[in-house]
Amino acid sequence: MRHGIHPNSRPVVFRDRAADTAFLTRSTANSARTIEWEDGNTYPLIDVEVSSASHPFYTGNSRVVDTAGRVERFERRYGRTVTARN
């Protein structure tokens, strides 16, 4: 490999705002914000909206996204009754 062409990788804290969790990993991402981690060291902080801690695929909490009544239209067309969803 050629030297000097790859970005520097370093420890970075990613904080999931939706699940209120944080994890320390290595990344090349830059951030001006920092946070003091559990080990007493200060690391760059990157806030993310969705991670494996809050994504419906990983948590098992799937949601039905209904745009413009498509689900209701399908249920009317094929005779399925509307049931209460959790």
C-alpha atoms as a PDB file:
ATOM      1  CA  MET A   1       0.000   0.000   0.000  1.00  0.00           C
ATOM      2  CA  ARG A   2       1.097   3.535  -0.625  1.00  0.00           C
ATOM      3  CA  HIS A   3       1.674   5.674   2.432  1.00  0.00           C
ATOM      4  CA  GLY A   4      -0.152   8.943   3.025  1.00  0.00           C
ATOM      5  CA  ILE A   5      -3.226   8.333   0.855  1.00  0.00           C
ATOM      6  CA  HIS A   6      -5.567   6.868   3.480  1.00  0.00           C
ATOM      7  CA  PRO A   7      -7.393   8.984   6.088  1.00  0.00           C
ATOM      8  CA  ASN A   8      -6.407   8.530   9.722  1.00  0.00           C
ATOM      9  CA  SER A   9      -8.660   6.255  11.735  1.00  0.00           C
ATOM     10  CA  ARG A  10      -9.166   7.037  15.421  1.00  0.00           C
ATOM     11  CA  PRO A  11     -11.614   6.299  18.267  1.00  0.00           C
ATOM     12  CA  VAL A  12     -14.902   8.227  17.925  1.00  0.00           C
ATOM     13  CA  VAL A  13     -18.090   8.152  20.025  1.00  0.00           C
ATOM     14  CA  PHE A  14     -21.363   7.857  18.092  1.00  0.00           C
ATOM     15  CA  ARG A  15     -24.461   8.865  20.079  1.00  0.00           C
ATOM     16  CA  ASP A  16     -27.889   7.683  18.927  1.00  0.00           C
ATOM     17  CA  ARG A  17     -30.324  10.446  19.836  1.00  0.00           C
ATOM     18  CA  ALA A  18     -33.435   8.298  19.340  1.00  0.00           C
ATOM     19  CA  ALA A  19     -32.359   5.444  21.646  1.00  0.00           C
ATOM     20  CA  ASP A  20     -30.260   7.597  24.023  1.00  0.00           C
ATOM     21  CA  THR A  21     -27.266   5.283  23.687  1.00  0.00           C
ATOM     22  CA  ALA A  22     -23.646   5.841  22.726  1.00  0.00           C
ATOM     23  CA  PHE A  23     -20.893   3.569  21.478  1.00  0.00           C
ATOM     24  CA  LEU A  24     -17.174   3.939  20.975  1.00  0.00           C
ATOM     25  CA  THR A  25     -15.692   2.728  17.704  1.00  0.00           C
ATOM     26  CA  ARG A  26     -13.010   3.665  15.195  1.00  0.00           C
ATOM     27  CA  SER A  27     -13.825   6.053  12.379  1.00  0.00           C
ATOM     28  CA  THR A  28     -12.326   8.586  10.004  1.00  0.00           C
ATOM     29  CA  ALA A  29     -15.202  11.039  10.572  1.00  0.00           C
ATOM     30  CA  ASN A  30     -14.350  14.479  11.961  1.00  0.00           C
ATOM     31  CA  SER A  31     -16.256  16.418  14.607  1.00  0.00           C
ATOM     32  CA  ALA A  32     -15.641  19.613  16.547  1.00  0.00           C
ATOM     33  CA  ARG A  33     -17.747  18.318  19.459  1.00  0.00           C
ATOM     34  CA  THR A  34     -16.168  16.107  22.125  1.00  0.00           C
ATOM     35  CA  ILE A  35     -17.366  13.951  24.997  1.00  0.00           C
ATOM     36  CA  GLU A  36     -15.683  12.400  28.011  1.00  0.00           C
ATOM     37  CA  TRP A  37     -16.114   8.631  27.770  1.00  0.00           C
ATOM     38  CA  GLU A  38     -16.432   6.063  30.578  1.00  0.00           C
ATOM     39  CA  ASP A  39     -12.676   5.402  30.546  1.00  0.00           C
ATOM     40  CA  GLY A  40     -11.934   9.060  31.368  1.00  0.00           C
ATOM     41  CA  ASN A  41     -10.595   9.953  27.908  1.00  0.00           C
ATOM     42  CA  THR A  42     -12.073  12.620  25.650  1.00  0.00           C
ATOM     43  CA  TYR A  43     -13.182  11.569  22.161  1.00  0.00           C
ATOM     44  CA  PRO A  44     -14.847  13.310  19.187  1.00  0.00           C
ATOM     45  CA  LEU A  45     -18.665  13.044  19.343  1.00  0.00           C
ATOM     46  CA  ILE A  46     -20.934  12.436  16.366  1.00  0.00           C
ATOM     47  CA  ASP A  47     -24.720  12.486  16.869  1.00  0.00           C
ATOM     48  CA  VAL A  48     -26.726  10.147  14.642  1.00  0.00           C
ATOM     49  CA  GLU A  49     -30.496   9.911  14.239  1.00  0.00           C
ATOM     50  CA  VAL A  50     -30.673   6.144  13.721  1.00  0.00           C
ATOM     51  CA  SER A  51     -28.351   3.290  14.665  1.00  0.00           C
ATOM     52  CA  SER A  52     -28.764  -0.415  15.341  1.00  0.00           C
ATOM     53  CA  ALA A  53     -30.066   0.531  18.817  1.00  0.00           C
ATOM     54  CA  SER A  54     -33.104   2.347  17.392  1.00  0.00           C
ATOM     55  CA  HIS A  55     -33.632   1.019  13.847  1.00  0.00           C
ATOM     56  CA  PRO A  56     -36.860  -1.027  13.522  1.00  0.00           C
ATOM     57  CA  PHE A  57     -35.084  -3.828  11.636  1.00  0.00           C
ATOM     58  CA  TYR A  58     -32.711  -4.502  14.539  1.00  0.00           C
ATOM     59  CA  THR A  59     -35.153  -3.829  17.385  1.00  0.00           C
ATOM     60  CA  GLY A  60     -38.073  -5.780  15.914  1.00  0.00           C
ATOM     61  CA  ASN A  61     -40.463  -2.820  16.247  1.00  0.00           C
ATOM     62  CA  SER A  62     -41.642  -2.469  12.676  1.00  0.00           C
ATOM     63  CA  ARG A  63     -44.010   0.302  11.676  1.00  0.00           C
ATOM     64  CA  VAL A  64     -46.480   0.591   8.837  1.00  0.00           C
ATOM     65  CA  VAL A  65     -45.894   3.813   6.969  1.00  0.00           C
ATOM     66  CA  ASP A  66     -49.121   4.752   5.250  1.00  0.00           C
ATOM     67  CA  THR A  67     -48.851   7.372   2.568  1.00  0.00           C
ATOM     68  CA  ALA A  68     -52.071   8.754   1.102  1.00  0.00           C
ATOM     69  CA  GLY A  69     -54.276   5.985   2.502  1.00  0.00           C
ATOM     70  CA  ARG A  70     -52.783   3.167   0.448  1.00  0.00           C
ATOM     71  CA  VAL A  71     -53.360   0.563   3.153  1.00  0.00           C
ATOM     72  CA  GLU A  72     -57.008   1.553   3.582  1.00  0.00           C
ATOM     73  CA  ARG A  73     -57.554   1.579  -0.180  1.00  0.00           C
ATOM     74  CA  PHE A  74     -56.041  -1.912  -0.430  1.00  0.00           C
ATOM     75  CA  GLU A  75     -58.255  -3.151   2.426  1.00  0.00           C
ATOM     76  CA  ARG A  76     -61.399  -1.665   0.827  1.00  0.00           C
ATOM     77  CA  ARG A  77     -60.570  -3.126  -2.559  1.00  0.00           C
ATOM     78  CA  TYR A  78     -59.942  -6.643  -1.328  1.00  0.00           C
ATOM     79  CA  GLY A  79     -62.547  -6.728   1.445  1.00  0.00           C
ATOM     80  CA  ARG A  80     -60.278  -6.893   4.464  1.00  0.00           C
ATOM     81  CA  THR A  81     -61.596  -5.200   7.586  1.00  0.00           C
ATOM     82  CA  VAL A  82     -59.598  -2.561   9.391  1.00  0.00           C
ATOM     83  CA  THR A  83     -58.333  -3.765  12.774  1.00  0.00           C
ATOM     84  CA  ALA A  84     -56.872  -1.766  15.646  1.00  0.00           C
ATOM     85  CA  ARG A  85     -53.074  -1.671  15.536  1.00  0.00           C
ATOM     86  CA  ASN A  86     -50.816  -1.495  18.572  1.00  0.00           C
END
